[in-house]
Amino acid sequence: MNTDLPMIESCDGCAACCLVQGAPPDYVALKLNPHFADDLSFAEDVTRLKNLPVEARELLEQYLAQYQQKLIPNNGPCVWLSADSSSCRYYEHRPSTCRIFERSSPGCFYYRRLFALPPT
């Protein structure tokens, strides 16, 4: 974590990093590029993807179908994002990219600025 930036105590109610993903990024990559499953860096995501709850899988599949038909952009809010709570509906099933994204990191502050959220 970068100690030069202010500390954000919680992600609750923010979701700025989820507002431009479209869908869980590593799962999109695996679905659109099945050969990525052979890359060891995707091993955990391959397993998680296989074990998604039915509803989470259906949202991902609907997103991919609409995206591939160019009916929706790839940079909208993640389909797993709950608009009511500004949190991930399938947090325990999130992919590696979402797991390693750090609160109070430069990326966190980038997304917060992008959506005009206060820095803390």
PDB file of N, CA and C in Angstrom:
ATOM      1  N   MET A   1       0.827  -1.173   0.000  1.00  0.00           N
ATOM      2  CA  MET A   1       0.000   0.000   0.000  1.00  0.00           C
ATOM      3  C   MET A   1       0.876   1.243   0.000  1.00  0.00           C
ATOM      4  N   ASN A   2       0.465   2.254  -0.741  1.00  0.00           N
ATOM      5  CA  ASN A   2       1.227   3.494  -0.843  1.00  0.00           C
ATOM      6  C   ASN A   2       0.952   4.359   0.379  1.00  0.00           C
ATOM      7  N   THR A   3       1.963   4.648   1.172  1.00  0.00           N
ATOM      8  CA  THR A   3       1.780   5.445   2.387  1.00  0.00           C
ATOM      9  C   THR A   3       1.751   6.939   2.103  1.00  0.00           C
ATOM     10  N   ASP A   4       2.031   7.366   0.874  1.00  0.00           N
ATOM     11  CA  ASP A   4       1.983   8.782   0.533  1.00  0.00           C
ATOM     12  C   ASP A   4       0.565   9.268   0.260  1.00  0.00           C
ATOM     13  N   LEU A   5      -0.360   8.341   0.066  1.00  0.00           N
ATOM     14  CA  LEU A   5      -1.747   8.684  -0.221  1.00  0.00           C
ATOM     15  C   LEU A   5      -2.570   8.582   1.051  1.00  0.00           C
ATOM     16  N   PRO A   6      -3.690   9.322   1.132  1.00  0.00           N
ATOM     17  CA  PRO A   6      -4.532   9.191   2.318  1.00  0.00           C
ATOM     18  C   PRO A   6      -5.050   7.761   2.456  1.00  0.00           C
ATOM     19  N   MET A   7      -5.333   7.350   3.669  1.00  0.00           N
ATOM     20  CA  MET A   7      -5.821   6.003   3.921  1.00  0.00           C
ATOM     21  C   MET A   7      -7.343   5.969   3.790  1.00  0.00           C
ATOM     22  N   ILE A   8      -7.825   5.064   2.970  1.00  0.00           N
ATOM     23  CA  ILE A   8      -9.261   4.834   2.854  1.00  0.00           C
ATOM     24  C   ILE A   8      -9.562   3.652   3.757  1.00  0.00           C
ATOM     25  N   GLU A   9     -10.409   3.866   4.719  1.00  0.00           N
ATOM     26  CA  GLU A   9     -10.676   2.844   5.732  1.00  0.00           C
ATOM     27  C   GLU A   9     -11.530   1.692   5.235  1.00  0.00           C
ATOM     28  N   SER A  10     -12.429   1.960   4.277  1.00  0.00           N
ATOM     29  CA  SER A  10     -13.352   0.920   3.853  1.00  0.00           C
ATOM     30  C   SER A  10     -13.767   1.130   2.404  1.00  0.00           C
ATOM     31  N   CYS A  11     -14.061   0.050   1.732  1.00  0.00           N
ATOM     32  CA  CYS A  11     -14.587   0.110   0.368  1.00  0.00           C
ATOM     33  C   CYS A  11     -16.114   0.209   0.371  1.00  0.00           C
ATOM     34  N   ASP A  12     -16.730   0.048   1.534  1.00  0.00           N
ATOM     35  CA  ASP A  12     -18.190   0.050   1.632  1.00  0.00           C
ATOM     36  C   ASP A  12     -18.784   1.298   0.989  1.00  0.00           C
ATOM     37  N   GLY A  13     -19.714   1.074   0.077  1.00  0.00           N
ATOM     38  CA  GLY A  13     -20.416   2.177  -0.563  1.00  0.00           C
ATOM     39  C   GLY A  13     -19.652   2.876  -1.669  1.00  0.00           C
ATOM     40  N   CYS A  14     -18.456   2.431  -1.999  1.00  0.00           N
ATOM     41  CA  CYS A  14     -17.658   3.095  -3.030  1.00  0.00           C
ATOM     42  C   CYS A  14     -17.907   2.465  -4.401  1.00  0.00           C
ATOM     43  N   ALA A  15     -17.303   1.320  -4.648  1.00  0.00           N
ATOM     44  CA  ALA A  15     -17.427   0.563  -5.896  1.00  0.00           C
ATOM     45  C   ALA A  15     -16.895   1.293  -7.126  1.00  0.00           C
ATOM     46  N   ALA A  16     -16.103   2.338  -6.943  1.00  0.00           N
ATOM     47  CA  ALA A  16     -15.570   3.077  -8.093  1.00  0.00           C
ATOM     48  C   ALA A  16     -14.798   2.170  -9.036  1.00  0.00           C
ATOM     49  N   CYS A  17     -14.043   1.222  -8.487  1.00  0.00           N
ATOM     50  CA  CYS A  17     -13.248   0.319  -9.329  1.00  0.00           C
ATOM     51  C   CYS A  17     -14.122  -0.655 -10.113  1.00  0.00           C
ATOM     52  N   CYS A  18     -15.373  -0.802  -9.738  1.00  0.00           N
ATOM     53  CA  CYS A  18     -16.296  -1.732 -10.405  1.00  0.00           C
ATOM     54  C   CYS A  18     -17.127  -1.044 -11.492  1.00  0.00           C
ATOM     55  N   LEU A  19     -17.027   0.269 -11.575  1.00  0.00           N
ATOM     56  CA  LEU A  19     -17.916   1.021 -12.469  1.00  0.00           C
ATOM     57  C   LEU A  19     -17.489   1.017 -13.927  1.00  0.00           C
ATOM     58  N   VAL A  20     -16.310   0.495 -14.233  1.00  0.00           N
ATOM     59  CA  VAL A  20     -15.849   0.471 -15.624  1.00  0.00           C
ATOM     60  C   VAL A  20     -15.343  -0.906 -16.051  1.00  0.00           C
ATOM     61  N   GLN A  21     -15.774  -1.940 -15.362  1.00  0.00           N
ATOM     62  CA  GLN A  21     -15.280  -3.286 -15.659  1.00  0.00           C
ATOM     63  C   GLN A  21     -16.184  -4.070 -16.601  1.00  0.00           C
ATOM     64  N   GLY A  22     -17.472  -3.795 -16.624  1.00  0.00           N
ATOM     65  CA  GLY A  22     -18.408  -4.559 -17.439  1.00  0.00           C
ATOM     66  C   GLY A  22     -18.784  -5.868 -16.781  1.00  0.00           C
ATOM     67  N   ALA A  23     -17.791  -6.665 -16.474  1.00  0.00           N
ATOM     68  CA  ALA A  23     -17.970  -7.959 -15.816  1.00  0.00           C
ATOM     69  C   ALA A  23     -16.643  -8.335 -15.169  1.00  0.00           C
ATOM     70  N   PRO A  24     -16.635  -9.336 -14.293  1.00  0.00           N
ATOM     71  CA  PRO A  24     -15.384  -9.722 -13.636  1.00  0.00           C
ATOM     72  C   PRO A  24     -14.276  -9.983 -14.668  1.00  0.00           C
ATOM     73  N   PRO A  25     -13.231  -9.163 -14.658  1.00  0.00           N
ATOM     74  CA  PRO A  25     -12.256  -9.151 -15.747  1.00  0.00           C
ATOM     75  C   PRO A  25     -11.558 -10.471 -16.060  1.00  0.00           C
ATOM     76  N   ASP A  26     -11.110 -11.199 -15.062  1.00  0.00           N
ATOM     77  CA  ASP A  26     -10.397 -12.440 -15.353  1.00  0.00           C
ATOM     78  C   ASP A  26     -11.320 -13.496 -15.955  1.00  0.00           C
ATOM     79  N   TYR A  27     -12.575 -13.470 -15.544  1.00  0.00           N
ATOM     80  CA  TYR A  27     -13.528 -14.438 -16.091  1.00  0.00           C
ATOM     81  C   TYR A  27     -13.877 -14.096 -17.535  1.00  0.00           C
ATOM     82  N   VAL A  28     -13.965 -12.824 -17.833  1.00  0.00           N
ATOM     83  CA  VAL A  28     -14.180 -12.403 -19.226  1.00  0.00           C
ATOM     84  C   VAL A  28     -12.996 -12.868 -20.073  1.00  0.00           C
ATOM     85  N   ALA A  29     -11.794 -12.646 -19.583  1.00  0.00           N
ATOM     86  CA  ALA A  29     -10.592 -13.064 -20.316  1.00  0.00           C
ATOM     87  C   ALA A  29     -10.593 -14.569 -20.573  1.00  0.00           C
ATOM     88  N   LEU A  30     -10.948 -15.344 -19.567  1.00  0.00           N
ATOM     89  CA  LEU A  30     -10.968 -16.801 -19.722  1.00  0.00           C
ATOM     90  C   LEU A  30     -12.057 -17.259 -20.689  1.00  0.00           C
ATOM     91  N   LYS A  31     -13.210 -16.622 -20.640  1.00  0.00           N
ATOM     92  CA  LYS A  31     -14.301 -17.020 -21.527  1.00  0.00           C
ATOM     93  C   LYS A  31     -14.010 -16.645 -22.976  1.00  0.00           C
ATOM     94  N   LEU A  32     -13.399 -15.484 -23.182  1.00  0.00           N
ATOM     95  CA  LEU A  32     -13.114 -15.029 -24.542  1.00  0.00           C
ATOM     96  C   LEU A  32     -11.832 -15.640 -25.116  1.00  0.00           C
ATOM     97  N   ASN A  33     -10.979 -16.138 -24.248  1.00  0.00           N
ATOM     98  CA  ASN A  33      -9.693 -16.720 -24.649  1.00  0.00           C
ATOM     99  C   ASN A  33      -9.486 -18.033 -23.906  1.00  0.00           C
ATOM    100  N   PRO A  34     -10.193 -19.087 -24.278  1.00  0.00           N
ATOM    101  CA  PRO A  34     -10.123 -20.350 -23.530  1.00  0.00           C
ATOM    102  C   PRO A  34      -8.709 -20.889 -23.333  1.00  0.00           C
ATOM    103  N   HIS A  35      -7.794 -20.572 -24.238  1.00  0.00           N
ATOM    104  CA  HIS A  35      -6.409 -21.054 -24.088  1.00  0.00           C
ATOM    105  C   HIS A  35      -5.722 -20.461 -22.859  1.00  0.00           C
ATOM    106  N   PHE A  36      -6.255 -19.361 -22.299  1.00  0.00           N
ATOM    107  CA  PHE A  36      -5.682 -18.796 -21.075  1.00  0.00           C
ATOM    108  C   PHE A  36      -5.758 -19.796 -19.925  1.00  0.00           C
ATOM    109  N   ALA A  37      -6.696 -20.730 -19.982  1.00  0.00           N
ATOM    110  CA  ALA A  37      -6.839 -21.728 -18.919  1.00  0.00           C
ATOM    111  C   ALA A  37      -5.582 -22.570 -18.772  1.00  0.00           C
ATOM    112  N   ASP A  38      -4.753 -22.638 -19.815  1.00  0.00           N
ATOM    113  CA  ASP A  38      -3.500 -23.391 -19.758  1.00  0.00           C
ATOM    114  C   ASP A  38      -2.380 -22.615 -19.061  1.00  0.00           C
ATOM    115  N   ASP A  39      -2.588 -21.324 -18.842  1.00  0.00           N
ATOM    116  CA  ASP A  39      -1.596 -20.473 -18.193  1.00  0.00           C
ATOM    117  C   ASP A  39      -1.751 -20.620 -16.683  1.00  0.00           C
ATOM    118  N   LEU A  40      -0.700 -21.009 -16.006  1.00  0.00           N
ATOM    119  CA  LEU A  40      -0.766 -21.242 -14.563  1.00  0.00           C
ATOM    120  C   LEU A  40      -1.188 -20.011 -13.771  1.00  0.00           C
ATOM    121  N   SER A  41      -0.957 -18.820 -14.310  1.00  0.00           N
ATOM    122  CA  SER A  41      -1.355 -17.617 -13.587  1.00  0.00           C
ATOM    123  C   SER A  41      -2.881 -17.490 -13.488  1.00  0.00           C
ATOM    124  N   PHE A  42      -3.610 -18.240 -14.303  1.00  0.00           N
ATOM    125  CA  PHE A  42      -5.065 -18.231 -14.256  1.00  0.00           C
ATOM    126  C   PHE A  42      -5.642 -19.418 -13.486  1.00  0.00           C
ATOM    127  N   ALA A  43      -4.813 -20.265 -12.912  1.00  0.00           N
ATOM    128  CA  ALA A  43      -5.278 -21.520 -12.302  1.00  0.00           C
ATOM    129  C   ALA A  43      -6.382 -21.307 -11.266  1.00  0.00           C
ATOM    130  N   GLU A  44      -6.184 -20.373 -10.356  1.00  0.00           N
ATOM    131  CA  GLU A  44      -7.205 -20.139  -9.323  1.00  0.00           C
ATOM    132  C   GLU A  44      -8.499 -19.628  -9.940  1.00  0.00           C
ATOM    133  N   ASP A  45      -8.383 -18.768 -10.947  1.00  0.00           N
ATOM    134  CA  ASP A  45      -9.581 -18.241 -11.586  1.00  0.00           C
ATOM    135  C   ASP A  45     -10.313 -19.310 -12.391  1.00  0.00           C
ATOM    136  N   VAL A  46      -9.587 -20.227 -12.978  1.00  0.00           N
ATOM    137  CA  VAL A  46     -10.220 -21.337 -13.694  1.00  0.00           C
ATOM    138  C   VAL A  46     -11.084 -22.129 -12.718  1.00  0.00           C
ATOM    139  N   THR A  47     -10.535 -22.429 -11.560  1.00  0.00           N
ATOM    140  CA  THR A  47     -11.277 -23.177 -10.541  1.00  0.00           C
ATOM    141  C   THR A  47     -12.479 -22.386 -10.052  1.00  0.00           C
ATOM    142  N   ARG A  48     -12.280 -21.104  -9.746  1.00  0.00           N
ATOM    143  CA  ARG A  48     -13.399 -20.282  -9.264  1.00  0.00           C
ATOM    144  C   ARG A  48     -14.484 -20.167 -10.325  1.00  0.00           C
ATOM    145  N   LEU A  49     -14.084 -19.994 -11.572  1.00  0.00           N
ATOM    146  CA  LEU A  49     -15.049 -19.877 -12.665  1.00  0.00           C
ATOM    147  C   LEU A  49     -15.904 -21.138 -12.772  1.00  0.00           C
ATOM    148  N   LYS A  50     -15.292 -22.284 -12.623  1.00  0.00           N
ATOM    149  CA  LYS A  50     -16.030 -23.550 -12.693  1.00  0.00           C
ATOM    150  C   LYS A  50     -17.030 -23.694 -11.550  1.00  0.00           C
ATOM    151  N   ASN A  51     -16.762 -23.025 -10.431  1.00  0.00           N
ATOM    152  CA  ASN A  51     -17.590 -23.181  -9.234  1.00  0.00           C
ATOM    153  C   ASN A  51     -18.504 -21.992  -8.954  1.00  0.00           C
ATOM    154  N   LEU A  52     -18.727 -21.151  -9.947  1.00  0.00           N
ATOM    155  CA  LEU A  52     -19.604 -19.996  -9.739  1.00  0.00           C
ATOM    156  C   LEU A  52     -21.035 -20.437  -9.447  1.00  0.00           C
ATOM    157  N   PRO A  53     -21.727 -19.684  -8.603  1.00  0.00           N
ATOM    158  CA  PRO A  53     -23.152 -19.942  -8.424  1.00  0.00           C
ATOM    159  C   PRO A  53     -23.877 -19.733  -9.757  1.00  0.00           C
ATOM    160  N   VAL A  54     -24.981 -20.404  -9.933  1.00  0.00           N
ATOM    161  CA  VAL A  54     -25.734 -20.345 -11.184  1.00  0.00           C
ATOM    162  C   VAL A  54     -26.057 -18.901 -11.570  1.00  0.00           C
ATOM    163  N   GLU A  55     -26.536 -18.111 -10.637  1.00  0.00           N
ATOM    164  CA  GLU A  55     -26.922 -16.727 -10.939  1.00  0.00           C
ATOM    165  C   GLU A  55     -25.738 -15.891 -11.409  1.00  0.00           C
ATOM    166  N   ALA A  56     -24.596 -16.068 -10.763  1.00  0.00           N
ATOM    167  CA  ALA A  56     -23.388 -15.330 -11.148  1.00  0.00           C
ATOM    168  C   ALA A  56     -22.944 -15.731 -12.551  1.00  0.00           C
ATOM    169  N   ARG A  57     -22.978 -17.021 -12.824  1.00  0.00           N
ATOM    170  CA  ARG A  57     -22.601 -17.525 -14.153  1.00  0.00           C
ATOM    171  C   ARG A  57     -23.552 -16.979 -15.222  1.00  0.00           C
ATOM    172  N   GLU A  58     -24.845 -16.959 -14.927  1.00  0.00           N
ATOM    173  CA  GLU A  58     -25.828 -16.465 -15.892  1.00  0.00           C
ATOM    174  C   GLU A  58     -25.609 -14.988 -16.205  1.00  0.00           C
ATOM    175  N   LEU A  59     -25.312 -14.185 -15.195  1.00  0.00           N
ATOM    176  CA  LEU A  59     -25.027 -12.765 -15.430  1.00  0.00           C
ATOM    177  C   LEU A  59     -23.797 -12.592 -16.309  1.00  0.00           C
ATOM    178  N   LEU A  60     -22.768 -13.380 -16.050  1.00  0.00           N
ATOM    179  CA  LEU A  60     -21.551 -13.331 -16.852  1.00  0.00           C
ATOM    180  C   LEU A  60     -21.848 -13.732 -18.294  1.00  0.00           C
ATOM    181  N   GLU A  61     -22.580 -14.804 -18.482  1.00  0.00           N
ATOM    182  CA  GLU A  61     -22.916 -15.279 -19.836  1.00  0.00           C
ATOM    183  C   GLU A  61     -23.782 -14.262 -20.579  1.00  0.00           C
ATOM    184  N   GLN A  62     -24.745 -13.655 -19.890  1.00  0.00           N
ATOM    185  CA  GLN A  62     -25.592 -12.630 -20.522  1.00  0.00           C
ATOM    186  C   GLN A  62     -24.752 -11.433 -20.950  1.00  0.00           C
ATOM    187  N   TYR A  63     -23.850 -11.026 -20.063  1.00  0.00           N
ATOM    188  CA  TYR A  63     -22.966  -9.912 -20.396  1.00  0.00           C
ATOM    189  C   TYR A  63     -22.147 -10.239 -21.646  1.00  0.00           C
ATOM    190  N   LEU A  64     -21.523 -11.413 -21.663  1.00  0.00           N
ATOM    191  CA  LEU A  64     -20.673 -11.792 -22.790  1.00  0.00           C
ATOM    192  C   LEU A  64     -21.461 -11.852 -24.093  1.00  0.00           C
ATOM    193  N   ALA A  65     -22.657 -12.396 -24.057  1.00  0.00           N
ATOM    194  CA  ALA A  65     -23.495 -12.477 -25.261  1.00  0.00           C
ATOM    195  C   ALA A  65     -23.838 -11.075 -25.768  1.00  0.00           C
ATOM    196  N   GLN A  66     -24.232 -10.200 -24.861  1.00  0.00           N
ATOM    197  CA  GLN A  66     -24.582  -8.834 -25.265  1.00  0.00           C
ATOM    198  C   GLN A  66     -23.355  -8.068 -25.744  1.00  0.00           C
ATOM    199  N   TYR A  67     -22.232  -8.259 -25.076  1.00  0.00           N
ATOM    200  CA  TYR A  67     -20.996  -7.583 -25.469  1.00  0.00           C
ATOM    201  C   TYR A  67     -20.544  -8.041 -26.855  1.00  0.00           C
ATOM    202  N   GLN A  68     -20.562  -9.338 -27.086  1.00  0.00           N
ATOM    203  CA  GLN A  68     -20.112  -9.860 -28.372  1.00  0.00           C
ATOM    204  C   GLN A  68     -21.036  -9.435 -29.514  1.00  0.00           C
ATOM    205  N   GLN A  69     -22.295  -9.187 -29.215  1.00  0.00           N
ATOM    206  CA  GLN A  69     -23.226  -8.695 -30.227  1.00  0.00           C
ATOM    207  C   GLN A  69     -23.175  -7.165 -30.339  1.00  0.00           C
ATOM    208  N   LYS A  70     -22.268  -6.553 -29.554  1.00  0.00           N
ATOM    209  CA  LYS A  70     -22.080  -5.100 -29.534  1.00  0.00           C
ATOM    210  C   LYS A  70     -23.348  -4.357 -29.096  1.00  0.00           C
ATOM    211  N   LEU A  71     -24.100  -4.982 -28.200  1.00  0.00           N
ATOM    212  CA  LEU A  71     -25.304  -4.366 -27.655  1.00  0.00           C
ATOM    213  C   LEU A  71     -24.999  -3.518 -26.430  1.00  0.00           C
ATOM    214  N   ILE A  72     -23.869  -3.789 -25.787  1.00  0.00           N
ATOM    215  CA  ILE A  72     -23.452  -3.035 -24.607  1.00  0.00           C
ATOM    216  C   ILE A  72     -21.952  -2.774 -24.692  1.00  0.00           C
ATOM    217  N   PRO A  73     -21.488  -1.705 -24.043  1.00  0.00           N
ATOM    218  CA  PRO A  73     -20.035  -1.439 -24.029  1.00  0.00           C
ATOM    219  C   PRO A  73     -19.348  -2.347 -23.009  1.00  0.00           C
ATOM    220  N   ASN A  74     -18.038  -2.447 -23.113  1.00  0.00           N
ATOM    221  CA  ASN A  74     -17.282  -3.255 -22.149  1.00  0.00           C
ATOM    222  C   ASN A  74     -16.816  -2.430 -20.962  1.00  0.00           C
ATOM    223  N   ASN A  75     -17.174  -1.148 -20.931  1.00  0.00           N
ATOM    224  CA  ASN A  75     -16.665  -0.297 -19.855  1.00  0.00           C
ATOM    225  C   ASN A  75     -17.770   0.266 -18.962  1.00  0.00           C
ATOM    226  N   GLY A  76     -18.884  -0.442 -18.870  1.00  0.00           N
ATOM    227  CA  GLY A  76     -19.944  -0.043 -17.948  1.00  0.00           C
ATOM    228  C   GLY A  76     -19.729  -0.687 -16.595  1.00  0.00           C
ATOM    229  N   PRO A  77     -20.680  -0.508 -15.692  1.00  0.00           N
ATOM    230  CA  PRO A  77     -20.568  -1.132 -14.373  1.00  0.00           C
ATOM    231  C   PRO A  77     -20.528  -2.655 -14.474  1.00  0.00           C
ATOM    232  N   CYS A  78     -19.805  -3.277 -13.594  1.00  0.00           N
ATOM    233  CA  CYS A  78     -19.740  -4.736 -13.557  1.00  0.00           C
ATOM    234  C   CYS A  78     -21.141  -5.302 -13.337  1.00  0.00           C
ATOM    235  N   VAL A  79     -21.460  -6.350 -14.066  1.00  0.00           N
ATOM    236  CA  VAL A  79     -22.785  -6.962 -13.947  1.00  0.00           C
ATOM    237  C   VAL A  79     -23.018  -7.584 -12.574  1.00  0.00           C
ATOM    238  N   TRP A  80     -21.982  -7.784 -11.811  1.00  0.00           N
ATOM    239  CA  TRP A  80     -22.144  -8.324 -10.459  1.00  0.00           C
ATOM    240  C   TRP A  80     -22.320  -7.228  -9.418  1.00  0.00           C
ATOM    241  N   LEU A  81     -22.199  -5.975  -9.819  1.00  0.00           N
ATOM    242  CA  LEU A  81     -22.307  -4.864  -8.884  1.00  0.00           C
ATOM    243  C   LEU A  81     -23.760  -4.619  -8.514  1.00  0.00           C
ATOM    244  N   SER A  82     -24.038  -4.566  -7.236  1.00  0.00           N
ATOM    245  CA  SER A  82     -25.378  -4.240  -6.753  1.00  0.00           C
ATOM    246  C   SER A  82     -25.504  -2.722  -6.694  1.00  0.00           C
ATOM    247  N   ALA A  83     -26.421  -2.174  -7.463  1.00  0.00           N
ATOM    248  CA  ALA A  83     -26.629  -0.728  -7.460  1.00  0.00           C
ATOM    249  C   ALA A  83     -27.165  -0.262  -6.109  1.00  0.00           C
ATOM    250  N   ASP A  84     -27.922  -1.099  -5.445  1.00  0.00           N
ATOM    251  CA  ASP A  84     -28.510  -0.730  -4.155  1.00  0.00           C
ATOM    252  C   ASP A  84     -27.463  -0.542  -3.066  1.00  0.00           C
ATOM    253  N   SER A  85     -26.486  -1.434  -3.024  1.00  0.00           N
ATOM    254  CA  SER A  85     -25.506  -1.393  -1.938  1.00  0.00           C
ATOM    255  C   SER A  85     -24.115  -0.953  -2.386  1.00  0.00           C
ATOM    256  N   SER A  86     -23.927  -0.735  -3.686  1.00  0.00           N
ATOM    257  CA  SER A  86     -22.601  -0.421  -4.226  1.00  0.00           C
ATOM    258  C   SER A  86     -21.565  -1.446  -3.772  1.00  0.00           C
ATOM    259  N   SER A  87     -21.945  -2.705  -3.849  1.00  0.00           N
ATOM    260  CA  SER A  87     -21.025  -3.770  -3.479  1.00  0.00           C
ATOM    261  C   SER A  87     -21.221  -4.954  -4.431  1.00  0.00           C
ATOM    262  N   CYS A  88     -20.271  -5.844  -4.415  1.00  0.00           N
ATOM    263  CA  CYS A  88     -20.298  -7.015  -5.283  1.00  0.00           C
ATOM    264  C   CYS A  88     -21.288  -8.041  -4.735  1.00  0.00           C
ATOM    265  N   ARG A  89     -22.200  -8.475  -5.588  1.00  0.00           N
ATOM    266  CA  ARG A  89     -23.178  -9.482  -5.174  1.00  0.00           C
ATOM    267  C   ARG A  89     -22.534 -10.857  -4.992  1.00  0.00           C
ATOM    268  N   TYR A  90     -21.381 -11.072  -5.589  1.00  0.00           N
ATOM    269  CA  TYR A  90     -20.708 -12.373  -5.526  1.00  0.00           C
ATOM    270  C   TYR A  90     -19.264 -12.196  -5.061  1.00  0.00           C
ATOM    271  N   TYR A  91     -19.091 -11.390  -4.058  1.00  0.00           N
ATOM    272  CA  TYR A  91     -17.776 -11.013  -3.555  1.00  0.00           C
ATOM    273  C   TYR A  91     -16.886 -12.224  -3.283  1.00  0.00           C
ATOM    274  N   GLU A  92     -17.425 -13.257  -2.662  1.00  0.00           N
ATOM    275  CA  GLU A  92     -16.616 -14.425  -2.322  1.00  0.00           C
ATOM    276  C   GLU A  92     -16.175 -15.204  -3.558  1.00  0.00           C
ATOM    277  N   HIS A  93     -16.766 -14.902  -4.714  1.00  0.00           N
ATOM    278  CA  HIS A  93     -16.419 -15.588  -5.966  1.00  0.00           C
ATOM    279  C   HIS A  93     -15.653 -14.685  -6.938  1.00  0.00           C
ATOM    280  N   ARG A  94     -15.244 -13.516  -6.488  1.00  0.00           N
ATOM    281  CA  ARG A  94     -14.581 -12.556  -7.373  1.00  0.00           C
ATOM    282  C   ARG A  94     -13.261 -13.117  -7.894  1.00  0.00           C
ATOM    283  N   PRO A  95     -12.836 -12.652  -9.077  1.00  0.00           N
ATOM    284  CA  PRO A  95     -11.587 -13.147  -9.672  1.00  0.00           C
ATOM    285  C   PRO A  95     -10.349 -12.499  -9.049  1.00  0.00           C
ATOM    286  N   SER A  96      -9.208 -12.981  -9.452  1.00  0.00           N
ATOM    287  CA  SER A  96      -7.929 -12.518  -8.902  1.00  0.00           C
ATOM    288  C   SER A  96      -7.719 -11.015  -9.023  1.00  0.00           C
ATOM    289  N   THR A  97      -8.054 -10.447 -10.172  1.00  0.00           N
ATOM    290  CA  THR A  97      -7.864  -9.006 -10.347  1.00  0.00           C
ATOM    291  C   THR A  97      -8.588  -8.228  -9.262  1.00  0.00           C
ATOM    292  N   CYS A  98      -9.793  -8.621  -8.953  1.00  0.00           N
ATOM    293  CA  CYS A  98     -10.572  -7.941  -7.915  1.00  0.00           C
ATOM    294  C   CYS A  98     -10.009  -8.233  -6.524  1.00  0.00           C
ATOM    295  N   ARG A  99      -9.463  -9.414  -6.347  1.00  0.00           N
ATOM    296  CA  ARG A  99      -8.904  -9.788  -5.044  1.00  0.00           C
ATOM    297  C   ARG A  99      -7.625  -9.026  -4.716  1.00  0.00           C
ATOM    298  N   ILE A 100      -6.826  -8.719  -5.722  1.00  0.00           N
ATOM    299  CA  ILE A 100      -5.543  -8.068  -5.447  1.00  0.00           C
ATOM    300  C   ILE A 100      -5.598  -6.549  -5.537  1.00  0.00           C
ATOM    301  N   PHE A 101      -6.709  -6.004  -6.022  1.00  0.00           N
ATOM    302  CA  PHE A 101      -6.838  -4.548  -6.120  1.00  0.00           C
ATOM    303  C   PHE A 101      -6.869  -3.980  -4.707  1.00  0.00           C
ATOM    304  N   GLU A 102      -5.974  -3.076  -4.400  1.00  0.00           N
ATOM    305  CA  GLU A 102      -5.829  -2.584  -3.037  1.00  0.00           C
ATOM    306  C   GLU A 102      -6.553  -1.277  -2.778  1.00  0.00           C
ATOM    307  N   ARG A 103      -7.250  -1.263  -1.664  1.00  0.00           N
ATOM    308  CA  ARG A 103      -7.848  -0.025  -1.160  1.00  0.00           C
ATOM    309  C   ARG A 103      -6.695   0.939  -0.859  1.00  0.00           C
ATOM    310  N   SER A 104      -6.864   2.196  -1.177  1.00  0.00           N
ATOM    311  CA  SER A 104      -5.861   3.261  -0.969  1.00  0.00           C
ATOM    312  C   SER A 104      -4.667   3.157  -1.907  1.00  0.00           C
ATOM    313  N   SER A 105      -4.761   2.353  -2.949  1.00  0.00           N
ATOM    314  CA  SER A 105      -3.672   2.257  -3.931  1.00  0.00           C
ATOM    315  C   SER A 105      -3.826   3.379  -4.954  1.00  0.00           C
ATOM    316  N   PRO A 106      -2.795   3.638  -5.759  1.00  0.00           N
ATOM    317  CA  PRO A 106      -2.943   4.648  -6.814  1.00  0.00           C
ATOM    318  C   PRO A 106      -4.123   4.339  -7.737  1.00  0.00           C
ATOM    319  N   GLY A 107      -4.352   3.068  -8.039  1.00  0.00           N
ATOM    320  CA  GLY A 107      -5.499   2.701  -8.880  1.00  0.00           C
ATOM    321  C   GLY A 107      -6.819   3.047  -8.214  1.00  0.00           C
ATOM    322  N   CYS A 108      -6.903   2.805  -6.930  1.00  0.00           N
ATOM    323  CA  CYS A 108      -8.098   3.143  -6.158  1.00  0.00           C
ATOM    324  C   CYS A 108      -8.383   4.643  -6.271  1.00  0.00           C
ATOM    325  N   PHE A 109      -7.358   5.451  -6.075  1.00  0.00           N
ATOM    326  CA  PHE A 109      -7.544   6.899  -6.158  1.00  0.00           C
ATOM    327  C   PHE A 109      -7.855   7.348  -7.585  1.00  0.00           C
ATOM    328  N   TYR A 110      -7.305   6.667  -8.561  1.00  0.00           N
ATOM    329  CA  TYR A 110      -7.625   6.979  -9.956  1.00  0.00           C
ATOM    330  C   TYR A 110      -9.123   6.817 -10.198  1.00  0.00           C
ATOM    331  N   TYR A 111      -9.674   5.667  -9.819  1.00  0.00           N
ATOM    332  CA  TYR A 111     -11.100   5.428 -10.041  1.00  0.00           C
ATOM    333  C   TYR A 111     -11.962   6.371  -9.211  1.00  0.00           C
ATOM    334  N   ARG A 112     -11.533   6.681  -8.003  1.00  0.00           N
ATOM    335  CA  ARG A 112     -12.304   7.613  -7.165  1.00  0.00           C
ATOM    336  C   ARG A 112     -12.332   9.001  -7.815  1.00  0.00           C
ATOM    337  N   ARG A 113     -11.202   9.448  -8.363  1.00  0.00           N
ATOM    338  CA  ARG A 113     -11.176  10.743  -9.067  1.00  0.00           C
ATOM    339  C   ARG A 113     -12.032  10.693 -10.325  1.00  0.00           C
ATOM    340  N   LEU A 114     -11.958   9.596 -11.061  1.00  0.00           N
ATOM    341  CA  LEU A 114     -12.716   9.430 -12.284  1.00  0.00           C
ATOM    342  C   LEU A 114     -14.211   9.626 -12.059  1.00  0.00           C
ATOM    343  N   PHE A 115     -14.685   9.169 -10.905  1.00  0.00           N
ATOM    344  CA  PHE A 115     -16.111   9.276 -10.598  1.00  0.00           C
ATOM    345  C   PHE A 115     -16.405  10.348  -9.556  1.00  0.00           C
ATOM    346  N   ALA A 116     -15.466  11.267  -9.384  1.00  0.00           N
ATOM    347  CA  ALA A 116     -15.625  12.432  -8.511  1.00  0.00           C
ATOM    348  C   ALA A 116     -16.019  12.044  -7.086  1.00  0.00           C
ATOM    349  N   LEU A 117     -15.421  10.971  -6.586  1.00  0.00           N
ATOM    350  CA  LEU A 117     -15.637  10.576  -5.201  1.00  0.00           C
ATOM    351  C   LEU A 117     -14.562  11.220  -4.336  1.00  0.00           C
ATOM    352  N   PRO A 118     -14.884  11.535  -3.111  1.00  0.00           N
ATOM    353  CA  PRO A 118     -13.868  12.156  -2.240  1.00  0.00           C
ATOM    354  C   PRO A 118     -12.689  11.208  -2.032  1.00  0.00           C
ATOM    355  N   PRO A 119     -11.499  11.746  -1.798  1.00  0.00           N
ATOM    356  CA  PRO A 119     -10.306  10.914  -1.658  1.00  0.00           C
ATOM    357  C   PRO A 119     -10.329  10.033  -0.400  1.00  0.00           C
ATOM    358  N   THR A 120     -11.127  10.343   0.573  1.00  0.00           N
ATOM    359  CA  THR A 120     -11.217   9.499   1.782  1.00  0.00           C
ATOM    360  C   THR A 120     -12.648   9.363   2.226  1.00  0.00           C
TER     361      THR A 120
END
